[in-house]
């Protein structure tokens, strides 16, 4: 027989069988207790599902109060946990975040001040000495029943592998696979940038081209 918890003991059905008004009250009370127990069981099952799903993901949830101070686990991921609590009570721009310019932070703060949703704020964290990882966060404003602004909540994702793949694709697009030297596509891109700079600064630009005969024979 399963042992009841303290909450279940406090709201256990009453075993009374009467046909008068007291019996009707007892029946109503028992129905309320049964419904409460069903609700609590559903909540426990939902919490278990949530814990199972989050334990299998590198994503995490975070929350900010009305002053944009964090009171969730903004840096905490299952694979790369930070020091416990180092994010609590701080704004995100007070954290050891890399890869975000002051102009980008200012634009982000303006979005927060306007209480607007935001997507794909990308930054880096040094999770271990010399090891940088990429993260992306999305957030939505939270309002109370009277429309008062309460803060933000959102999700974060570790996108390090995706960024590494993007960098590899970019490298292969602009570099010779054998020598690693810039290819013609990168040359044209840089030359176009140089010409645009020369036009703006009213200077000149020159291109020196060297051709190696029978280069293919040396590959």
C-alpha atoms as a PDB file:
ATOM      1  CA  UNK A   1       0.000   0.000   0.000  1.00  0.00           C
ATOM      2  CA  UNK A   2       1.411   3.412  -0.992  1.00  0.00           C
ATOM      3  CA  UNK A   3       2.121   5.819   1.820  1.00  0.00           C
ATOM      4  CA  UNK A   4       0.398   9.181   1.405  1.00  0.00           C
ATOM      5  CA  UNK A   5       2.361  12.398   1.444  1.00  0.00           C
ATOM      6  CA  UNK A   6       1.678  15.192   3.922  1.00  0.00           C
ATOM      7  CA  UNK A   7      -0.414  17.049   1.369  1.00  0.00           C
ATOM      8  CA  UNK A   8      -2.477  13.961   0.579  1.00  0.00           C
ATOM      9  CA  UNK A   9      -3.069  13.261   4.275  1.00  0.00           C
ATOM     10  CA  UNK A  10      -4.348  16.814   4.794  1.00  0.00           C
ATOM     11  CA  UNK A  11      -6.872  16.442   1.962  1.00  0.00           C
ATOM     12  CA  UNK A  12      -7.882  12.776   2.173  1.00  0.00           C
ATOM     13  CA  UNK A  13     -11.515  11.866   1.440  1.00  0.00           C
ATOM     14  CA  UNK A  14     -13.829  11.420   4.438  1.00  0.00           C
ATOM     15  CA  UNK A  15     -15.428   8.001   4.766  1.00  0.00           C
ATOM     16  CA  UNK A  16     -18.930   8.983   5.926  1.00  0.00           C
ATOM     17  CA  UNK A  17     -22.165   7.613   4.439  1.00  0.00           C
ATOM     18  CA  UNK A  18     -25.281   9.646   5.226  1.00  0.00           C
ATOM     19  CA  UNK A  19     -28.294  10.733   3.211  1.00  0.00           C
ATOM     20  CA  UNK A  20     -28.878  14.036   4.982  1.00  0.00           C
ATOM     21  CA  UNK A  21     -27.367  17.486   4.376  1.00  0.00           C
ATOM     22  CA  UNK A  22     -24.127  16.516   6.132  1.00  0.00           C
ATOM     23  CA  UNK A  23     -23.772  13.557   3.810  1.00  0.00           C
ATOM     24  CA  UNK A  24     -24.194  15.842   0.787  1.00  0.00           C
ATOM     25  CA  UNK A  25     -21.523  18.169   2.148  1.00  0.00           C
ATOM     26  CA  UNK A  26     -19.200  15.225   2.686  1.00  0.00           C
ATOM     27  CA  UNK A  27     -19.790  14.028  -0.876  1.00  0.00           C
ATOM     28  CA  UNK A  28     -19.012  17.510  -2.222  1.00  0.00           C
ATOM     29  CA  UNK A  29     -15.863  17.659  -0.142  1.00  0.00           C
ATOM     30  CA  UNK A  30     -14.752  14.234  -1.384  1.00  0.00           C
ATOM     31  CA  UNK A  31     -15.307  15.281  -4.997  1.00  0.00           C
ATOM     32  CA  UNK A  32     -13.163  18.358  -4.419  1.00  0.00           C
ATOM     33  CA  UNK A  33     -10.428  16.232  -2.832  1.00  0.00           C
ATOM     34  CA  UNK A  34     -10.496  13.764  -5.727  1.00  0.00           C
ATOM     35  CA  UNK A  35     -10.238  16.590  -8.269  1.00  0.00           C
ATOM     36  CA  UNK A  36      -7.366  18.148  -6.355  1.00  0.00           C
ATOM     37  CA  UNK A  37      -5.522  14.841  -6.282  1.00  0.00           C
ATOM     38  CA  UNK A  38      -5.997  14.420 -10.038  1.00  0.00           C
ATOM     39  CA  UNK A  39      -4.670  17.954 -10.618  1.00  0.00           C
ATOM     40  CA  UNK A  40      -1.621  17.312  -8.445  1.00  0.00           C
ATOM     41  CA  UNK A  41      -0.911  14.033 -10.234  1.00  0.00           C
ATOM     42  CA  UNK A  42      -1.147  15.803 -13.603  1.00  0.00           C
ATOM     43  CA  UNK A  43       1.232  18.518 -12.397  1.00  0.00           C
ATOM     44  CA  UNK A  44       3.740  15.934 -11.146  1.00  0.00           C
ATOM     45  CA  UNK A  45       3.534  14.059 -14.461  1.00  0.00           C
ATOM     46  CA  UNK A  46       4.029  17.322 -16.387  1.00  0.00           C
ATOM     47  CA  UNK A  47       7.037  18.248 -14.246  1.00  0.00           C
ATOM     48  CA  UNK A  48       8.550  14.815 -14.801  1.00  0.00           C
ATOM     49  CA  UNK A  49       8.152  15.163 -18.577  1.00  0.00           C
ATOM     50  CA  UNK A  50       9.722  18.624 -18.456  1.00  0.00           C
ATOM     51  CA  UNK A  51      12.707  17.381 -16.440  1.00  0.00           C
ATOM     52  CA  UNK A  52      13.189  14.443 -18.807  1.00  0.00           C
ATOM     53  CA  UNK A  53      13.162  16.688 -21.869  1.00  0.00           C
ATOM     54  CA  UNK A  54      15.477  19.341 -20.428  1.00  0.00           C
ATOM     55  CA  UNK A  55      17.945  16.717 -19.229  1.00  0.00           C
ATOM     56  CA  UNK A  56      18.399  15.591 -22.847  1.00  0.00           C
ATOM     57  CA  UNK A  57      18.967  19.074 -24.254  1.00  0.00           C
ATOM     58  CA  UNK A  58      21.838  21.549 -24.238  1.00  0.00           C
ATOM     59  CA  UNK A  59      19.289  24.380 -24.240  1.00  0.00           C
ATOM     60  CA  UNK A  60      18.378  26.199 -21.059  1.00  0.00           C
ATOM     61  CA  UNK A  61      15.830  28.655 -19.706  1.00  0.00           C
ATOM     62  CA  UNK A  62      16.556  32.071 -18.252  1.00  0.00           C
ATOM     63  CA  UNK A  63      14.611  34.914 -16.625  1.00  0.00           C
ATOM     64  CA  UNK A  64      15.200  38.613 -15.983  1.00  0.00           C
ATOM     65  CA  UNK A  65      13.387  40.910 -13.589  1.00  0.00           C
ATOM     66  CA  UNK A  66      12.037  44.356 -14.457  1.00  0.00           C
ATOM     67  CA  UNK A  67      15.540  45.848 -14.045  1.00  0.00           C
ATOM     68  CA  UNK A  68      16.917  43.206 -16.475  1.00  0.00           C
ATOM     69  CA  UNK A  69      18.852  41.435 -13.715  1.00  0.00           C
ATOM     70  CA  UNK A  70      19.052  37.692 -14.165  1.00  0.00           C
ATOM     71  CA  UNK A  71      17.510  35.325 -11.669  1.00  0.00           C
ATOM     72  CA  UNK A  72      17.662  32.197 -13.828  1.00  0.00           C
ATOM     73  CA  UNK A  73      20.497  30.068 -15.192  1.00  0.00           C
ATOM     74  CA  UNK A  74      21.475  32.182 -18.179  1.00  0.00           C
ATOM     75  CA  UNK A  75      24.917  30.594 -18.524  1.00  0.00           C
ATOM     76  CA  UNK A  76      24.092  27.146 -17.251  1.00  0.00           C
ATOM     77  CA  UNK A  77      24.171  24.283 -19.757  1.00  0.00           C
ATOM     78  CA  UNK A  78      24.400  20.615 -19.005  1.00  0.00           C
ATOM     79  CA  UNK A  79      27.765  20.193 -20.695  1.00  0.00           C
ATOM     80  CA  UNK A  80      29.418  23.438 -19.611  1.00  0.00           C
ATOM     81  CA  UNK A  81      28.107  24.609 -16.219  1.00  0.00           C
ATOM     82  CA  UNK A  82      29.545  27.886 -14.885  1.00  0.00           C
ATOM     83  CA  UNK A  83      30.287  28.594 -11.263  1.00  0.00           C
ATOM     84  CA  UNK A  84      26.946  28.270  -9.402  1.00  0.00           C
ATOM     85  CA  UNK A  85      25.075  31.538  -9.055  1.00  0.00           C
ATOM     86  CA  UNK A  86      27.630  33.728 -10.808  1.00  0.00           C
ATOM     87  CA  UNK A  87      24.917  35.101 -13.080  1.00  0.00           C
ATOM     88  CA  UNK A  88      22.316  35.873 -10.429  1.00  0.00           C
ATOM     89  CA  UNK A  89      21.503  39.503  -9.787  1.00  0.00           C
ATOM     90  CA  UNK A  90      23.472  40.764 -12.798  1.00  0.00           C
ATOM     91  CA  UNK A  91      22.449  42.133 -16.158  1.00  0.00           C
ATOM     92  CA  UNK A  92      23.670  40.192 -19.153  1.00  0.00           C
ATOM     93  CA  UNK A  93      26.104  42.955 -20.183  1.00  0.00           C
ATOM     94  CA  UNK A  94      27.757  42.656 -16.748  1.00  0.00           C
ATOM     95  CA  UNK A  95      28.688  39.028 -17.411  1.00  0.00           C
ATOM     96  CA  UNK A  96      31.998  37.849 -18.956  1.00  0.00           C
ATOM     97  CA  UNK A  97      30.489  37.764 -22.450  1.00  0.00           C
ATOM     98  CA  UNK A  98      32.650  38.142 -25.553  1.00  0.00           C
ATOM     99  CA  UNK A  99      31.894  38.911 -29.192  1.00  0.00           C
ATOM    100  CA  UNK A 100      29.344  41.696 -28.554  1.00  0.00           C
ATOM    101  CA  UNK A 101      30.311  45.308 -29.237  1.00  0.00           C
ATOM    102  CA  UNK A 102      29.181  48.208 -27.071  1.00  0.00           C
ATOM    103  CA  UNK A 103      26.996  49.400 -29.975  1.00  0.00           C
ATOM    104  CA  UNK A 104      25.303  45.996 -30.085  1.00  0.00           C
ATOM    105  CA  UNK A 105      24.741  46.053 -26.328  1.00  0.00           C
ATOM    106  CA  UNK A 106      23.217  49.512 -26.612  1.00  0.00           C
ATOM    107  CA  UNK A 107      20.855  48.337 -29.361  1.00  0.00           C
ATOM    108  CA  UNK A 108      19.900  45.345 -27.202  1.00  0.00           C
ATOM    109  CA  UNK A 109      19.222  47.565 -24.178  1.00  0.00           C
ATOM    110  CA  UNK A 110      16.953  49.759 -26.294  1.00  0.00           C
ATOM    111  CA  UNK A 111      14.912  46.702 -27.281  1.00  0.00           C
ATOM    112  CA  UNK A 112      14.591  45.755 -23.611  1.00  0.00           C
ATOM    113  CA  UNK A 113      13.572  49.279 -22.615  1.00  0.00           C
ATOM    114  CA  UNK A 114      10.815  49.132 -25.241  1.00  0.00           C
ATOM    115  CA  UNK A 115       9.725  45.752 -23.813  1.00  0.00           C
ATOM    116  CA  UNK A 116       9.938  44.074 -27.210  1.00  0.00           C
ATOM    117  CA  UNK A 117      10.752  40.432 -28.034  1.00  0.00           C
ATOM    118  CA  UNK A 118      14.218  39.694 -29.380  1.00  0.00           C
ATOM    119  CA  UNK A 119      15.793  36.789 -31.249  1.00  0.00           C
ATOM    120  CA  UNK A 120      19.263  35.454 -31.951  1.00  0.00           C
ATOM    121  CA  UNK A 121      21.451  37.508 -29.636  1.00  0.00           C
ATOM    122  CA  UNK A 122      24.728  35.697 -30.334  1.00  0.00           C
ATOM    123  CA  UNK A 123      27.771  35.870 -28.072  1.00  0.00           C
ATOM    124  CA  UNK A 124      30.732  33.874 -26.789  1.00  0.00           C
ATOM    125  CA  UNK A 125      31.685  32.578 -23.338  1.00  0.00           C
ATOM    126  CA  UNK A 126      35.060  31.248 -22.235  1.00  0.00           C
ATOM    127  CA  UNK A 127      33.729  28.078 -20.604  1.00  0.00           C
ATOM    128  CA  UNK A 128      37.241  26.755 -19.926  1.00  0.00           C
ATOM    129  CA  UNK A 129      40.652  28.471 -20.088  1.00  0.00           C
ATOM    130  CA  UNK A 130      41.314  29.078 -23.769  1.00  0.00           C
ATOM    131  CA  UNK A 131      38.054  27.448 -24.912  1.00  0.00           C
ATOM    132  CA  UNK A 132      35.351  29.697 -26.349  1.00  0.00           C
ATOM    133  CA  UNK A 133      31.822  28.537 -27.068  1.00  0.00           C
ATOM    134  CA  UNK A 134      29.042  30.278 -28.982  1.00  0.00           C
ATOM    135  CA  UNK A 135      25.556  30.817 -27.587  1.00  0.00           C
ATOM    136  CA  UNK A 136      22.332  32.276 -28.975  1.00  0.00           C
ATOM    137  CA  UNK A 137      19.370  33.477 -26.900  1.00  0.00           C
ATOM    138  CA  UNK A 138      15.784  34.513 -27.578  1.00  0.00           C
ATOM    139  CA  UNK A 139      13.530  36.376 -25.158  1.00  0.00           C
ATOM    140  CA  UNK A 140       9.981  37.617 -24.666  1.00  0.00           C
ATOM    141  CA  UNK A 141       8.726  40.301 -22.253  1.00  0.00           C
ATOM    142  CA  UNK A 142       6.536  39.206 -19.329  1.00  0.00           C
ATOM    143  CA  UNK A 143       3.608  41.290 -18.091  1.00  0.00           C
ATOM    144  CA  UNK A 144       1.427  41.006 -15.000  1.00  0.00           C
ATOM    145  CA  UNK A 145      -2.391  40.839 -14.821  1.00  0.00           C
ATOM    146  CA  UNK A 146      -2.627  44.627 -14.797  1.00  0.00           C
ATOM    147  CA  UNK A 147      -0.266  44.993 -17.750  1.00  0.00           C
ATOM    148  CA  UNK A 148       2.728  45.878 -15.579  1.00  0.00           C
ATOM    149  CA  UNK A 149       6.133  44.901 -16.937  1.00  0.00           C
ATOM    150  CA  UNK A 150       7.698  42.088 -14.895  1.00  0.00           C
ATOM    151  CA  UNK A 151      10.809  41.279 -16.896  1.00  0.00           C
ATOM    152  CA  UNK A 152      11.874  38.795 -19.540  1.00  0.00           C
ATOM    153  CA  UNK A 153      12.057  35.056 -19.955  1.00  0.00           C
ATOM    154  CA  UNK A 154      13.566  33.066 -22.755  1.00  0.00           C
ATOM    155  CA  UNK A 155      15.688  30.199 -23.971  1.00  0.00           C
ATOM    156  CA  UNK A 156      19.344  29.827 -24.873  1.00  0.00           C
ATOM    157  CA  UNK A 157      21.132  27.414 -27.168  1.00  0.00           C
ATOM    158  CA  UNK A 158      24.734  26.292 -27.511  1.00  0.00           C
ATOM    159  CA  UNK A 159      25.510  26.887 -31.208  1.00  0.00           C
ATOM    160  CA  UNK A 160      29.251  26.176 -31.106  1.00  0.00           C
ATOM    161  CA  UNK A 161      29.068  23.243 -33.527  1.00  0.00           C
ATOM    162  CA  UNK A 162      26.917  25.250 -35.947  1.00  0.00           C
ATOM    163  CA  UNK A 163      29.338  28.188 -35.906  1.00  0.00           C
ATOM    164  CA  UNK A 164      32.276  25.830 -36.488  1.00  0.00           C
ATOM    165  CA  UNK A 165      30.499  24.352 -39.517  1.00  0.00           C
ATOM    166  CA  UNK A 166      29.726  27.823 -40.884  1.00  0.00           C
ATOM    167  CA  UNK A 167      33.356  28.883 -40.494  1.00  0.00           C
ATOM    168  CA  UNK A 168      34.542  25.713 -42.220  1.00  0.00           C
ATOM    169  CA  UNK A 169      32.157  26.285 -45.130  1.00  0.00           C
ATOM    170  CA  UNK A 170      33.326  29.896 -45.451  1.00  0.00           C
ATOM    171  CA  UNK A 171      36.956  28.797 -45.333  1.00  0.00           C
ATOM    172  CA  UNK A 172      36.430  26.221 -48.090  1.00  0.00           C
ATOM    173  CA  UNK A 173      34.574  28.772 -50.218  1.00  0.00           C
ATOM    174  CA  UNK A 174      37.418  31.300 -50.143  1.00  0.00           C
ATOM    175  CA  UNK A 175      40.530  29.131 -49.822  1.00  0.00           C
ATOM    176  CA  UNK A 176      42.370  26.668 -52.022  1.00  0.00           C
ATOM    177  CA  UNK A 177      41.855  23.206 -50.553  1.00  0.00           C
ATOM    178  CA  UNK A 178      45.462  22.171 -51.297  1.00  0.00           C
ATOM    179  CA  UNK A 179      47.488  25.198 -50.191  1.00  0.00           C
ATOM    180  CA  UNK A 180      45.008  27.026 -47.956  1.00  0.00           C
ATOM    181  CA  UNK A 181      45.805  30.219 -49.886  1.00  0.00           C
ATOM    182  CA  UNK A 182      43.055  32.678 -50.896  1.00  0.00           C
ATOM    183  CA  UNK A 183      41.318  31.687 -54.120  1.00  0.00           C
ATOM    184  CA  UNK A 184      39.970  33.837 -56.938  1.00  0.00           C
ATOM    185  CA  UNK A 185      36.628  34.370 -55.195  1.00  0.00           C
ATOM    186  CA  UNK A 186      38.325  35.843 -52.135  1.00  0.00           C
ATOM    187  CA  UNK A 187      40.642  37.902 -54.375  1.00  0.00           C
ATOM    188  CA  UNK A 188      37.683  39.439 -56.188  1.00  0.00           C
ATOM    189  CA  UNK A 189      35.928  40.167 -52.894  1.00  0.00           C
ATOM    190  CA  UNK A 190      38.949  41.885 -51.348  1.00  0.00           C
ATOM    191  CA  UNK A 191      39.691  43.801 -54.537  1.00  0.00           C
ATOM    192  CA  UNK A 192      36.103  45.085 -54.643  1.00  0.00           C
ATOM    193  CA  UNK A 193      36.495  46.259 -51.027  1.00  0.00           C
ATOM    194  CA  UNK A 194      39.793  47.958 -51.875  1.00  0.00           C
ATOM    195  CA  UNK A 195      38.227  49.751 -54.855  1.00  0.00           C
ATOM    196  CA  UNK A 196      35.283  50.907 -52.736  1.00  0.00           C
ATOM    197  CA  UNK A 197      37.670  52.261 -50.087  1.00  0.00           C
ATOM    198  CA  UNK A 198      39.748  53.990 -52.777  1.00  0.00           C
ATOM    199  CA  UNK A 199      36.628  55.636 -54.189  1.00  0.00           C
ATOM    200  CA  UNK A 200      35.559  56.895 -50.760  1.00  0.00           C
ATOM    201  CA  UNK A 201      39.005  58.179 -49.837  1.00  0.00           C
ATOM    202  CA  UNK A 202      39.781  59.432 -53.364  1.00  0.00           C
ATOM    203  CA  UNK A 203      42.943  57.387 -53.597  1.00  0.00           C
ATOM    204  CA  UNK A 204      44.200  54.767 -56.030  1.00  0.00           C
ATOM    205  CA  UNK A 205      44.537  51.031 -55.782  1.00  0.00           C
ATOM    206  CA  UNK A 206      46.688  48.654 -57.819  1.00  0.00           C
ATOM    207  CA  UNK A 207      46.571  44.887 -58.352  1.00  0.00           C
ATOM    208  CA  UNK A 208      49.743  42.886 -58.886  1.00  0.00           C
ATOM    209  CA  UNK A 209      49.155  39.561 -60.593  1.00  0.00           C
ATOM    210  CA  UNK A 210      51.736  36.742 -60.728  1.00  0.00           C
ATOM    211  CA  UNK A 211      51.230  33.659 -62.856  1.00  0.00           C
ATOM    212  CA  UNK A 212      53.151  30.435 -62.268  1.00  0.00           C
ATOM    213  CA  UNK A 213      53.658  28.346 -65.377  1.00  0.00           C
ATOM    214  CA  UNK A 214      52.815  24.650 -65.103  1.00  0.00           C
ATOM    215  CA  UNK A 215      51.682  25.044 -61.484  1.00  0.00           C
ATOM    216  CA  UNK A 216      49.433  22.012 -61.866  1.00  0.00           C
ATOM    217  CA  UNK A 217      52.513  19.806 -62.368  1.00  0.00           C
ATOM    218  CA  UNK A 218      53.661  20.570 -58.816  1.00  0.00           C
ATOM    219  CA  UNK A 219      50.414  19.636 -57.090  1.00  0.00           C
END
